[in-house]
Amino acid sequence: MKRFSKLDEGFICENCHKEVFPLKYSSRDHCPYCLYSKHVDINPGDRANECRGLLKPIGIEKFKDTYKVVYKCDKCKNIHKNIIANDDDIDTLIEISKNPE
């Protein structure tokens, strides 16, 4: 079982360069505008991964009563998944779901 460390921080997205604010109900782990993330965690919230590559959204998959964004790291090519957030751009989610890699 993965260990989860709650870490809800704001950041500037390295892909679209927009300011991203804390999520407030869970840990922010990706940009709500372009859905890109950064490969920084080994276990959620630990910031212990040294890769630091950009995680490109490549698909969407059903998970329990919600969905996950599927990512591929542009540096190490690892596949990673994050649960969608309430403020994720719906048009971007739909576009990714229509054109998975």
Protein backbone atom coordinates (compact mmCIF):
# COMPACT_ATOMS: atom_id res chain seq x y z
CA MET A 1 0.00 0.00 0.00
CA LYS A 2 1.28 3.45 -0.91
CA ARG A 3 1.94 5.89 1.89
CA PHE A 4 0.15 9.22 1.39
CA SER A 5 1.55 12.49 2.74
CA LYS A 6 -0.90 15.38 2.41
CA LEU A 7 0.94 18.20 0.70
CA ASP A 8 -1.33 20.78 -0.91
CA GLU A 9 0.91 23.39 -2.50
CA GLY A 10 0.46 25.94 -5.24
CA PHE A 11 2.97 26.16 -8.09
CA ILE A 12 3.65 27.58 -11.54
CA CYS A 13 2.98 24.94 -14.19
CA GLU A 14 6.14 24.11 -16.12
CA ASN A 15 4.10 23.27 -19.22
CA CYS A 16 1.54 26.11 -19.59
CA HIS A 17 3.17 28.54 -17.10
CA LYS A 18 -0.10 29.34 -15.33
CA GLU A 19 -0.31 29.86 -11.58
CA VAL A 20 -1.91 26.86 -9.88
CA PHE A 21 -3.43 27.29 -6.43
CA PRO A 22 -3.74 24.70 -3.64
CA LEU A 23 -6.69 22.33 -4.04
CA LYS A 24 -7.94 22.77 -0.44
CA TYR A 25 -9.69 19.37 -0.15
CA SER A 26 -6.77 17.09 -1.04
CA SER A 27 -3.22 17.39 -2.34
CA ARG A 28 -2.70 19.28 -5.59
CA ASP A 29 -0.73 17.01 -7.92
CA HIS A 30 -1.27 18.42 -11.41
CA CYS A 31 -2.21 21.55 -13.34
CA PRO A 32 -5.99 21.97 -13.68
CA TYR A 33 -5.56 23.88 -16.97
CA CYS A 34 -3.33 21.65 -19.13
CA LEU A 35 -3.37 18.61 -16.77
CA TYR A 36 0.43 18.21 -16.84
CA SER A 37 2.13 17.06 -13.66
CA LYS A 38 5.71 16.67 -12.49
CA HIS A 39 7.45 13.42 -11.57
CA VAL A 40 8.39 14.38 -8.00
CA ASP A 41 6.89 11.67 -5.75
CA ILE A 42 7.71 8.05 -5.04
CA ASN A 43 4.78 7.83 -2.63
CA PRO A 44 2.07 10.53 -2.92
CA GLY A 45 3.26 13.79 -1.36
CA ASP A 46 6.78 12.68 -0.37
CA ARG A 47 8.65 14.71 -3.07
CA ALA A 48 11.38 12.00 -2.94
CA ASN A 49 11.65 11.19 -6.66
CA GLU A 50 14.80 12.60 -8.25
CA CYS A 51 13.52 12.30 -11.85
CA ARG A 52 11.71 15.67 -11.95
CA GLY A 53 10.53 15.11 -15.54
CA LEU A 54 7.24 16.49 -16.83
CA LEU A 55 4.35 14.04 -16.74
CA LYS A 56 2.41 14.39 -19.99
CA PRO A 57 -1.29 13.41 -19.84
CA ILE A 58 -1.78 10.56 -22.32
CA GLY A 59 -5.17 9.12 -21.36
CA ILE A 60 -8.08 8.91 -18.95
CA GLU A 61 -9.28 5.78 -17.14
CA LYS A 62 -12.23 4.97 -14.88
CA PHE A 63 -11.32 4.57 -11.20
CA LYS A 64 -14.02 3.65 -8.65
CA ASP A 65 -16.59 6.49 -8.85
CA THR A 66 -14.24 8.96 -10.58
CA TYR A 67 -11.44 9.01 -13.17
CA LYS A 68 -7.66 9.10 -13.27
CA VAL A 69 -5.39 10.92 -15.68
CA VAL A 70 -2.75 8.57 -17.11
CA TYR A 71 0.69 10.17 -17.55
CA LYS A 72 3.94 9.29 -19.25
CA CYS A 73 7.12 10.91 -17.94
CA ASP A 74 9.01 12.76 -20.68
CA LYS A 75 12.31 11.96 -18.95
CA CYS A 76 12.20 8.38 -17.59
CA LYS A 77 9.13 7.18 -19.60
CA ASN A 78 7.44 5.84 -16.43
CA ILE A 79 3.63 5.62 -16.48
CA HIS A 80 1.91 7.37 -13.56
CA LYS A 81 -1.74 8.02 -12.64
CA ASN A 82 -3.47 10.79 -10.66
CA ILE A 83 -7.12 11.15 -9.68
CA ILE A 84 -8.81 14.07 -11.43
CA ALA A 85 -9.56 17.18 -9.39
CA ASN A 86 -12.87 19.06 -9.16
CA ASP A 87 -11.40 22.08 -10.95
CA ASP A 88 -9.75 20.24 -13.86
CA ASP A 89 -10.59 21.73 -17.26
CA ILE A 90 -13.37 19.52 -18.62
CA ASP A 91 -12.55 20.31 -22.27
CA THR A 92 -8.94 19.20 -21.76
CA LEU A 93 -10.10 16.00 -20.03
CA ILE A 94 -12.43 15.23 -22.95
CA GLU A 95 -9.73 15.94 -25.52
CA ILE A 96 -7.27 13.60 -23.78
CA SER A 97 -9.93 10.88 -23.52
CA LYS A 98 -10.61 11.15 -27.28
CA ASN A 99 -6.96 11.04 -28.31
CA PRO A 100 -5.10 8.68 -25.96
CA GLU A 101 -1.48 7.81 -26.79
